[in-house]
């Protein structure tokens, strides 16, 4: 029986990818570990490794194909002793393009663990839609009768009273995923102790109006003007249409979801920078030299901001947390993302254990991240996760702004430019260098007082920067 090669999920949030290039052609021998294809995601190009041995018998998705859904059948490998010429694509093969995929945030067992390579899962059944219809066998079970299902599928099944053991799984190794449960619900099958007749279920089915709001929320975009409606406001020929690339689609979807799902509130403080600027000058002047005579590090104000945010999170541990559906995850160390602008979008690489790292280590790590981000060479694990982020527009002369929280994080700090301002000290006006910072908080995790405590701790560290050295 041929081995199915499915479009892998290269990150927990990936739903579709572009099949950029096949590195093997039909008839080529395949060994485990061979790189067989290159897949483009919204943020990177990654290699797919084979996990089986055999001969690449059929390529079902041509290179250059865009928006191939995760888990779609893309190729067939003939096993040892099997005639590659006799391998045929399943009836209706490739039609899985129309099947919905699991929403973002639901990890898939095809996800690449190291971000540099991904390997497809071996599945001895074609995906749903690529097989002839017939009686659905029950879901794959492990020892002890355990049903393999994604967390989202289990949650929906529990809410709808669906017996997962009676649902046929179309995911890797027969795993039950969201669309399988939804199909069972729509078909009136697999209901635990269901006594309702299928006819009654079918009669109730034509009512799409009620699920519509749910679908709109899952799609990440609220109901709004259509393309034709927007075009209608402008004179024909007065604009050009720029198609969205994967990165822009992802940014639009995720940040729209963030504003819809995470209740934002904002806290703003002014931080005096005079002491920090003096310390920065001293530390940069004392930096050692490498063999080429270049300084081993050169600290920026942003490096101090990252360190201060990391320490502030550990000093206010209740704020060092994220929302996770029915609970809060509280972390032992601070993970601070930093927004890096690139052409057409941005990355937010994460400084792990920012509370423990030295300023010089943070500075050098950020220089490496920024360089690889602009070349789109970051690995997914380098820009996923994090508890908070820093977005600094000071270099553009921006004095104050608010930023949108990047899920699953619970806050983001918007940093403006440092500038000389008149302040009052000891009852008299004086000039100080001041920076405005605004913390966006997810009200599900941080209440006003907790957010205020966090940004006060940040302000204290910025204005007394020697505390970051000990």
Protein backbone atom coordinates (compact mmCIF):
# COMPACT_ATOMS: atom_id res chain seq x y z
CA UNK A 1 0.00 0.00 0.00
CA UNK A 2 1.49 3.40 -0.93
CA UNK A 3 2.51 5.82 1.79
CA UNK A 4 0.67 9.14 1.80
CA UNK A 5 2.73 12.32 2.06
CA UNK A 6 0.64 15.10 3.57
CA UNK A 7 1.21 18.84 3.72
CA UNK A 8 2.87 19.23 7.14
CA UNK A 9 2.09 21.87 9.75
CA UNK A 10 5.38 23.69 10.19
CA UNK A 11 4.14 25.66 13.19
CA UNK A 12 1.19 25.44 15.60
CA UNK A 13 -0.58 28.30 13.80
CA UNK A 14 -0.04 27.18 10.20
CA UNK A 15 -3.20 26.49 8.20
CA UNK A 16 -1.88 26.68 4.62
CA UNK A 17 1.46 26.79 2.89
CA UNK A 18 2.97 27.20 -0.56
CA UNK A 19 4.66 24.19 -2.10
CA UNK A 20 7.69 26.10 -3.36
CA UNK A 21 9.80 23.31 -4.83
CA UNK A 22 10.10 19.55 -5.15
CA UNK A 23 13.67 18.39 -4.52
CA UNK A 24 12.87 14.84 -5.66
CA UNK A 25 11.09 13.81 -8.85
CA UNK A 26 8.80 10.92 -9.61
CA UNK A 27 10.79 7.67 -9.77
CA UNK A 28 13.50 8.85 -7.35
CA UNK A 29 14.46 6.56 -4.49
CA UNK A 30 13.64 8.03 -1.08
CA UNK A 31 15.48 7.34 2.17
CA UNK A 32 14.42 8.38 5.64
CA UNK A 33 15.86 11.84 6.32
CA UNK A 34 16.00 12.89 2.67
CA UNK A 35 14.79 16.44 2.02
CA UNK A 36 12.01 16.01 -0.52
CA UNK A 37 10.42 19.46 -0.80
CA UNK A 38 10.54 23.10 0.25
CA UNK A 39 7.46 24.67 1.82
CA UNK A 40 6.89 28.41 2.19
CA UNK A 41 4.91 29.60 5.19
CA UNK A 42 3.85 33.16 5.91
CA UNK A 43 7.24 33.87 7.48
CA UNK A 44 9.85 31.38 6.26
CA UNK A 45 10.88 28.75 3.72
CA UNK A 46 11.45 25.34 5.29
CA UNK A 47 12.49 21.88 4.18
CA UNK A 48 10.39 18.73 4.47
CA UNK A 49 12.19 15.50 5.31
CA UNK A 50 11.01 12.00 4.45
CA UNK A 51 10.33 9.61 7.31
CA UNK A 52 9.86 6.53 5.11
CA UNK A 53 11.86 4.64 2.50
CA UNK A 54 10.62 3.78 -0.96
CA UNK A 55 10.18 5.40 -4.37
CA UNK A 56 8.43 8.71 -5.03
CA UNK A 57 5.64 7.31 -7.17
CA UNK A 58 3.24 10.23 -7.62
CA UNK A 59 3.46 13.99 -7.10
CA UNK A 60 -0.11 15.19 -6.61
CA UNK A 61 0.55 18.89 -5.94
CA UNK A 62 2.84 20.67 -8.39
CA UNK A 63 5.62 22.92 -7.20
CA UNK A 64 4.63 26.56 -7.13
CA UNK A 65 1.13 25.74 -5.85
CA UNK A 66 -0.03 28.31 -3.30
CA UNK A 67 -2.31 27.96 -0.28
CA UNK A 68 -2.13 24.18 0.09
CA UNK A 69 -4.07 23.26 3.27
CA UNK A 70 -2.33 21.42 6.08
CA UNK A 71 -2.93 17.63 5.85
CA UNK A 72 -3.72 17.72 2.14
CA UNK A 73 -2.33 14.75 0.21
CA UNK A 74 0.62 16.05 -1.84
CA UNK A 75 2.46 12.88 -2.94
CA UNK A 76 2.55 9.08 -2.76
CA UNK A 77 5.58 6.90 -1.96
CA UNK A 78 5.68 3.29 -3.15
CA UNK A 79 6.89 0.94 -0.42
CA UNK A 80 9.68 -1.57 -0.90
CA UNK A 81 8.55 -4.29 -3.29
CA UNK A 82 5.67 -2.21 -4.62
CA UNK A 83 5.58 -1.25 -8.30
CA UNK A 84 5.72 2.59 -8.47
CA UNK A 85 4.02 2.50 -11.86
CA UNK A 86 0.96 0.82 -10.41
CA UNK A 87 0.42 3.49 -7.75
CA UNK A 88 -2.60 5.61 -8.54
CA UNK A 89 -3.89 8.74 -6.88
CA UNK A 90 -6.95 8.06 -4.71
CA UNK A 91 -10.29 8.74 -6.30
CA UNK A 92 -10.97 12.43 -5.82
CA UNK A 93 -7.38 12.87 -4.57
CA UNK A 94 -6.41 16.44 -3.88
CA UNK A 95 -9.99 17.54 -3.20
CA UNK A 96 -9.02 18.05 0.43
CA UNK A 97 -8.29 21.66 -0.59
CA UNK A 98 -11.88 22.51 0.14
CA UNK A 99 -11.89 20.96 3.60
CA UNK A 100 -11.58 23.36 6.54
CA UNK A 101 -8.53 23.06 8.72
CA UNK A 102 -8.12 23.41 12.43
CA UNK A 103 -8.00 27.00 13.66
CA UNK A 104 -4.81 28.67 14.70
CA UNK A 105 -3.51 27.90 18.09
CA UNK A 106 -4.41 24.19 17.92
CA UNK A 107 -1.09 22.35 17.67
CA UNK A 108 -0.91 19.62 15.07
CA UNK A 109 1.18 16.52 15.54
CA UNK A 110 2.81 17.23 12.16
CA UNK A 111 4.33 20.44 13.60
CA UNK A 112 8.07 20.64 13.17
CA UNK A 113 9.80 20.41 16.56
CA UNK A 114 12.95 22.30 15.64
CA UNK A 115 11.68 24.83 13.12
CA UNK A 116 14.43 24.07 10.61
CA UNK A 117 12.96 20.94 9.05
CA UNK A 118 9.58 19.24 9.07
CA UNK A 119 8.69 15.66 8.31
CA UNK A 120 5.32 14.46 7.12
CA UNK A 121 3.42 11.93 9.18
CA UNK A 122 2.98 8.49 7.68
CA UNK A 123 -0.71 7.90 7.09
CA UNK A 124 -2.03 4.80 5.38
CA UNK A 125 -5.36 6.40 4.51
CA UNK A 126 -6.05 9.26 2.15
CA UNK A 127 -7.48 12.41 3.70
CA UNK A 128 -11.23 12.98 3.92
CA UNK A 129 -12.57 13.92 0.51
CA UNK A 130 -9.91 11.87 -1.25
CA UNK A 131 -11.69 8.56 -0.57
CA UNK A 132 -14.93 7.13 -1.84
CA UNK A 133 -17.88 7.59 0.46
CA UNK A 134 -19.08 4.71 2.56
CA UNK A 135 -19.61 3.61 6.12
CA UNK A 136 -17.23 5.51 8.34
CA UNK A 137 -15.05 3.30 10.53
CA UNK A 138 -14.56 4.40 14.12
CA UNK A 139 -11.69 6.65 15.15
CA UNK A 140 -8.24 5.18 15.67
CA UNK A 141 -7.77 3.92 19.20
CA UNK A 142 -4.68 3.20 21.19
CA UNK A 143 -4.21 0.62 23.91
CA UNK A 144 -6.93 0.80 26.50
CA UNK A 145 -9.45 2.08 23.93
CA UNK A 146 -8.13 5.64 23.96
CA UNK A 147 -9.38 7.75 21.07
CA UNK A 148 -6.76 9.96 19.46
CA UNK A 149 -8.24 13.43 19.00
CA UNK A 150 -7.04 17.04 19.01
CA UNK A 151 -7.86 19.17 22.09
CA UNK A 152 -10.23 21.31 20.01
CA UNK A 153 -12.06 18.25 18.69
CA UNK A 154 -12.45 16.91 22.22
CA UNK A 155 -13.83 20.23 23.46
CA UNK A 156 -16.40 20.50 20.65
CA UNK A 157 -17.40 16.85 21.11
CA UNK A 158 -17.94 17.41 24.82
CA UNK A 159 -20.02 20.52 24.21
CA UNK A 160 -22.17 18.84 21.55
CA UNK A 161 -22.47 15.43 23.22
CA UNK A 162 -20.60 13.58 20.45
CA UNK A 163 -19.16 10.11 21.08
CA UNK A 164 -15.60 10.40 19.72
CA UNK A 165 -15.18 6.63 19.48
CA UNK A 166 -17.82 6.61 16.73
CA UNK A 167 -16.24 9.42 14.73
CA UNK A 168 -13.92 8.62 11.83
CA UNK A 169 -10.70 10.63 12.05
CA UNK A 170 -9.14 12.21 8.96
CA UNK A 171 -6.04 13.59 10.68
CA UNK A 172 -2.62 11.92 10.82
CA UNK A 173 -2.87 8.26 11.89
CA UNK A 174 -6.67 8.51 12.02
CA UNK A 175 -6.60 11.30 14.60
CA UNK A 176 -9.98 12.99 15.07
CA UNK A 177 -9.80 16.72 14.31
CA UNK A 178 -12.28 19.58 14.32
CA UNK A 179 -13.79 18.99 10.89
CA UNK A 180 -14.51 15.33 11.72
CA UNK A 181 -16.56 16.28 14.79
CA UNK A 182 -18.38 19.01 12.85
CA UNK A 183 -19.19 16.53 10.08
CA UNK A 184 -20.59 14.10 12.67
CA UNK A 185 -22.72 16.87 14.18
CA UNK A 186 -24.06 17.98 10.80
CA UNK A 187 -24.76 14.40 9.76
CA UNK A 188 -26.53 13.55 13.00
CA UNK A 189 -24.19 10.62 13.64
CA UNK A 190 -22.04 9.74 16.65
CA UNK A 191 -24.30 11.48 19.17
CA UNK A 192 -23.88 9.86 22.57
CA UNK A 193 -27.17 8.12 23.28
CA UNK A 194 -28.79 9.91 20.35
CA UNK A 195 -32.42 9.03 19.84
CA UNK A 196 -33.38 11.76 17.39
CA UNK A 197 -34.11 10.58 13.89
CA UNK A 198 -31.74 11.61 11.10
CA UNK A 199 -34.68 13.22 9.31
CA UNK A 200 -35.22 15.56 12.23
CA UNK A 201 -31.56 16.49 12.22
CA UNK A 202 -31.63 17.09 8.48
CA UNK A 203 -34.72 19.25 8.82
CA UNK A 204 -32.95 21.39 11.39
CA UNK A 205 -29.81 21.68 9.29
CA UNK A 206 -30.77 24.45 6.84
CA UNK A 207 -30.33 27.33 9.28
CA UNK A 208 -26.93 28.89 8.57
CA UNK A 209 -27.89 32.21 10.12
CA UNK A 210 -27.09 31.12 13.69
CA UNK A 211 -23.58 29.71 13.13
CA UNK A 212 -22.63 32.74 11.00
CA UNK A 213 -21.33 34.88 13.89
CA UNK A 214 -19.17 31.99 15.08
CA UNK A 215 -17.70 31.53 11.61
CA UNK A 216 -16.94 35.22 11.32
CA UNK A 217 -15.09 35.19 14.62
CA UNK A 218 -13.12 32.07 13.71
CA UNK A 219 -12.18 33.63 10.39
CA UNK A 220 -10.49 36.44 12.26
CA UNK A 221 -12.31 39.27 10.50
CA UNK A 222 -15.58 40.97 11.44
CA UNK A 223 -18.30 41.52 8.87
CA UNK A 224 -17.33 44.56 6.83
CA UNK A 225 -17.36 46.06 3.37
CA UNK A 226 -16.80 43.71 0.48
CA UNK A 227 -14.11 44.28 -2.14
CA UNK A 228 -16.66 45.61 -4.63
CA UNK A 229 -18.14 47.94 -2.02
CA UNK A 230 -14.74 49.41 -1.19
CA UNK A 231 -13.87 49.81 -4.88
CA UNK A 232 -17.15 51.65 -5.37
CA UNK A 233 -15.99 54.56 -3.20
CA UNK A 234 -13.12 55.43 -5.55
CA UNK A 235 -12.79 56.49 -9.14
CA UNK A 236 -11.86 53.68 -11.49
CA UNK A 237 -8.18 53.77 -12.41
CA UNK A 238 -7.21 55.90 -9.39
CA UNK A 239 -5.65 52.99 -7.49
CA UNK A 240 -3.79 49.75 -7.99
CA UNK A 241 -4.66 46.48 -6.26
CA UNK A 242 -1.89 44.80 -4.28
CA UNK A 243 -2.59 41.13 -3.47
CA UNK A 244 -1.98 40.11 0.14
CA UNK A 245 0.97 37.85 0.80
CA UNK A 246 0.91 35.20 3.52
CA UNK A 247 2.56 37.41 6.13
CA UNK A 248 0.13 40.30 5.67
CA UNK A 249 -2.85 37.92 5.79
CA UNK A 250 -1.56 36.41 9.03
CA UNK A 251 -0.90 39.80 10.64
CA UNK A 252 -4.36 41.04 9.66
CA UNK A 253 -6.07 37.93 10.96
CA UNK A 254 -4.17 37.53 14.24
CA UNK A 255 -4.30 41.16 15.31
CA UNK A 256 -7.98 41.48 14.39
CA UNK A 257 -8.59 38.41 16.54
CA UNK A 258 -6.52 39.96 19.33
CA UNK A 259 -8.64 43.11 19.40
CA UNK A 260 -11.85 41.06 19.31
CA UNK A 261 -10.88 38.46 21.90
CA UNK A 262 -8.46 40.15 24.33
CA UNK A 263 -10.02 43.13 26.18
CA UNK A 264 -7.27 45.78 26.00
CA UNK A 265 -6.64 48.58 28.45
CA UNK A 266 -3.71 51.01 28.44
CA UNK A 267 -1.36 52.49 31.05
CA UNK A 268 1.10 55.29 30.22
CA UNK A 269 4.12 56.56 32.15
CA UNK A 270 6.94 59.04 31.47
CA UNK A 271 10.42 57.72 32.30
CA UNK A 272 13.46 59.94 32.84
CA UNK A 273 16.47 58.65 30.93
CA UNK A 274 19.36 60.79 32.19
CA UNK A 275 20.83 58.15 34.52
CA UNK A 276 20.34 55.41 31.93
CA UNK A 277 22.07 57.39 29.19
CA UNK A 278 25.08 58.03 31.46
CA UNK A 279 25.33 54.36 32.42
CA UNK A 280 24.98 53.32 28.77
CA UNK A 281 27.84 55.60 27.77
CA UNK A 282 30.03 54.21 30.56
CA UNK A 283 29.30 50.57 29.72
CA UNK A 284 29.83 51.03 25.99
CA UNK A 285 33.12 52.82 26.68
CA UNK A 286 34.33 49.90 28.78
CA UNK A 287 33.43 47.20 26.23
CA UNK A 288 36.29 44.91 25.29
CA UNK A 289 37.50 44.49 21.71
CA UNK A 290 37.48 41.45 19.44
CA UNK A 291 40.41 40.36 17.31
CA UNK A 292 39.42 42.89 14.65
CA UNK A 293 39.37 45.71 17.17
CA UNK A 294 35.57 46.02 17.16
CA UNK A 295 33.67 46.41 20.46
CA UNK A 296 32.30 43.15 21.87
CA UNK A 297 28.96 44.87 22.41
CA UNK A 298 27.23 48.19 21.89
CA UNK A 299 24.21 48.71 24.11
CA UNK A 300 21.13 50.51 22.84
CA UNK A 301 18.33 52.07 24.87
CA UNK A 302 16.12 49.23 23.65
CA UNK A 303 18.44 46.68 25.27
CA UNK A 304 17.84 48.39 28.63
CA UNK A 305 14.07 48.42 27.92
CA UNK A 306 14.07 44.65 27.24
CA UNK A 307 16.06 43.92 30.39
CA UNK A 308 13.89 46.22 32.50
CA UNK A 309 10.71 44.56 31.20
CA UNK A 310 12.12 41.11 31.97
CA UNK A 311 13.04 42.06 35.53
CA UNK A 312 9.72 43.86 36.06
CA UNK A 313 7.83 40.66 35.16
CA UNK A 314 9.75 38.65 37.76
CA UNK A 315 9.21 41.36 40.39
CA UNK A 316 5.46 41.28 39.67
CA UNK A 317 5.03 37.51 39.14
CA UNK A 318 1.24 37.64 38.81
CA UNK A 319 1.75 39.67 35.61
CA UNK A 320 4.20 37.11 34.20
CA UNK A 321 1.32 35.07 32.81
CA UNK A 322 -0.86 34.40 29.76
CA UNK A 323 -4.50 33.41 29.21
CA UNK A 324 -5.13 29.77 28.24
CA UNK A 325 -8.85 29.16 27.64
CA UNK A 326 -9.99 28.08 31.11
CA UNK A 327 -6.89 28.96 33.15
CA UNK A 328 -3.89 31.26 33.43
CA UNK A 329 -0.35 30.03 32.77
CA UNK A 330 2.16 31.68 35.11
CA UNK A 331 5.84 31.50 34.14
CA UNK A 332 9.02 31.03 36.13
CA UNK A 333 11.13 33.27 33.88
CA UNK A 334 10.46 36.30 31.71
CA UNK A 335 10.16 35.86 27.94
CA UNK A 336 10.14 39.20 26.15
CA UNK A 337 9.38 39.52 22.43
CA UNK A 338 10.77 42.43 20.44
CA UNK A 339 9.07 43.73 17.29
CA UNK A 340 11.43 43.84 14.29
CA UNK A 341 10.12 45.57 11.16
CA UNK A 342 10.85 43.97 7.78
CA UNK A 343 9.58 44.71 4.28
CA UNK A 344 5.87 44.01 4.23
CA UNK A 345 5.46 43.03 7.87
CA UNK A 346 7.27 42.23 11.08
CA UNK A 347 8.70 39.48 13.24
CA UNK A 348 8.67 39.37 17.03
CA UNK A 349 11.64 37.23 18.10
CA UNK A 350 11.57 36.32 21.79
CA UNK A 351 14.40 36.86 24.27
CA UNK A 352 14.11 33.83 26.56
CA UNK A 353 14.89 34.30 30.27
CA UNK A 354 15.42 38.02 29.73
CA UNK A 355 15.45 38.48 33.50
CA UNK A 356 18.62 36.36 33.79
CA UNK A 357 20.60 37.58 30.78
CA UNK A 358 23.15 40.38 30.89
CA UNK A 359 22.62 43.56 28.90
CA UNK A 360 25.46 42.60 26.57
CA UNK A 361 23.96 39.15 25.95
CA UNK A 362 20.56 40.69 25.18
CA UNK A 363 22.19 43.24 22.86
CA UNK A 364 24.11 40.64 20.85
CA UNK A 365 21.13 38.27 20.69
CA UNK A 366 18.90 41.05 19.39
CA UNK A 367 21.41 42.01 16.69
CA UNK A 368 21.46 38.39 15.51
CA UNK A 369 17.65 38.13 15.62
CA UNK A 370 17.18 41.39 13.71
CA UNK A 371 19.64 40.35 11.00
CA UNK A 372 18.03 36.94 10.48
CA UNK A 373 14.51 38.35 10.71
CA UNK A 374 15.17 40.70 7.80
CA UNK A 375 16.52 37.73 5.82
CA UNK A 376 13.48 35.63 6.91
CA UNK A 377 15.78 33.04 8.44
CA UNK A 378 14.27 32.85 11.93
CA UNK A 379 13.04 29.48 13.18
CA UNK A 380 9.42 29.31 14.41
CA UNK A 381 10.48 28.59 18.00
CA UNK A 382 12.46 31.84 17.96
CA UNK A 383 9.40 34.04 17.36
CA UNK A 384 6.60 32.04 18.98
CA UNK A 385 5.45 32.23 22.58
CA UNK A 386 6.56 34.95 24.97
CA UNK A 387 4.65 36.69 27.76
CA UNK A 388 5.04 40.29 26.65
CA UNK A 389 6.62 42.25 23.81
CA UNK A 390 8.38 45.56 23.26
CA UNK A 391 7.53 47.73 20.26
CA UNK A 392 9.84 50.74 19.95
CA UNK A 393 9.09 53.51 17.42
CA UNK A 394 11.38 56.04 19.06
CA UNK A 395 13.82 55.93 16.15
CA UNK A 396 11.04 57.35 13.96
CA UNK A 397 10.48 60.29 16.27
CA UNK A 398 7.17 58.91 17.58
CA UNK A 399 6.46 60.32 21.04
CA UNK A 400 3.52 58.12 22.06
CA UNK A 401 1.43 55.27 20.64
CA UNK A 402 -0.49 52.19 21.71
CA UNK A 403 0.26 48.69 20.44
CA UNK A 404 -1.92 45.61 19.84
CA UNK A 405 -1.17 42.57 22.00
CA UNK A 406 0.30 39.64 20.05
CA UNK A 407 -1.56 36.44 21.13
CA UNK A 408 -0.99 34.42 23.25
CA UNK A 409 0.92 37.14 25.10
CA UNK A 410 -0.86 39.19 27.76
CA UNK A 411 0.78 42.59 27.27
CA UNK A 412 2.91 44.74 24.99
CA UNK A 413 4.96 47.84 25.76
CA UNK A 414 4.89 50.69 23.23
CA UNK A 415 8.03 52.83 23.59
CA UNK A 416 8.35 56.36 22.22
CA UNK A 417 11.35 58.59 21.54
CA UNK A 418 13.49 60.03 24.30
CA UNK A 419 13.41 63.84 24.18
CA UNK A 420 14.32 66.78 26.35
CA UNK A 421 11.34 68.07 28.31
CA UNK A 422 10.81 70.53 31.10
CA UNK A 423 9.99 68.74 34.35
CA UNK A 424 9.52 69.92 37.90
CA UNK A 425 12.04 68.76 40.52
CA UNK A 426 12.10 70.01 44.09
CA UNK A 427 9.50 72.59 43.16
CA UNK A 428 11.61 74.10 40.36
CA UNK A 429 11.54 73.58 36.58
CA UNK A 430 14.46 71.75 35.02
CA UNK A 431 15.25 69.96 31.76
CA UNK A 432 15.38 66.15 31.62
CA UNK A 433 15.49 63.54 28.88
CA UNK A 434 12.13 61.75 29.02
CA UNK A 435 10.64 58.73 27.25
CA UNK A 436 6.92 57.89 27.17
CA UNK A 437 5.94 54.20 27.43
CA UNK A 438 2.44 52.74 27.18
CA UNK A 439 1.58 49.23 28.35
CA UNK A 440 -1.32 47.47 26.61
CA UNK A 441 -2.78 44.83 28.96
CA UNK A 442 -5.11 41.88 28.45
CA UNK A 443 -7.79 42.47 31.09
CA UNK A 444 -8.44 38.72 31.34
CA UNK A 445 -4.98 38.32 32.90
CA UNK A 446 -4.10 41.73 34.35
CA UNK A 447 -6.44 44.01 36.26
CA UNK A 448 -5.74 47.73 36.40
CA UNK A 449 -3.85 47.63 39.70
CA UNK A 450 -1.68 44.70 38.56
CA UNK A 451 -0.87 46.41 35.26
CA UNK A 452 0.00 49.59 37.15
CA UNK A 453 2.31 47.63 39.44
CA UNK A 454 4.07 46.12 36.41
CA UNK A 455 4.66 49.39 34.58
CA UNK A 456 5.72 51.09 37.84
CA UNK A 457 8.37 48.38 38.31
CA UNK A 458 9.52 48.98 34.72
CA UNK A 459 9.72 52.74 35.27
CA UNK A 460 11.72 52.26 38.48
CA UNK A 461 14.31 50.14 36.68
CA UNK A 462 14.63 52.56 33.76
CA UNK A 463 15.15 55.53 36.09
CA UNK A 464 17.53 53.57 38.37
CA UNK A 465 19.35 51.43 35.82
CA UNK A 466 22.07 50.20 38.17
CA UNK A 467 19.42 47.77 39.42
CA UNK A 468 19.72 45.96 36.10
CA UNK A 469 23.39 45.16 36.69
CA UNK A 470 23.00 43.24 39.94
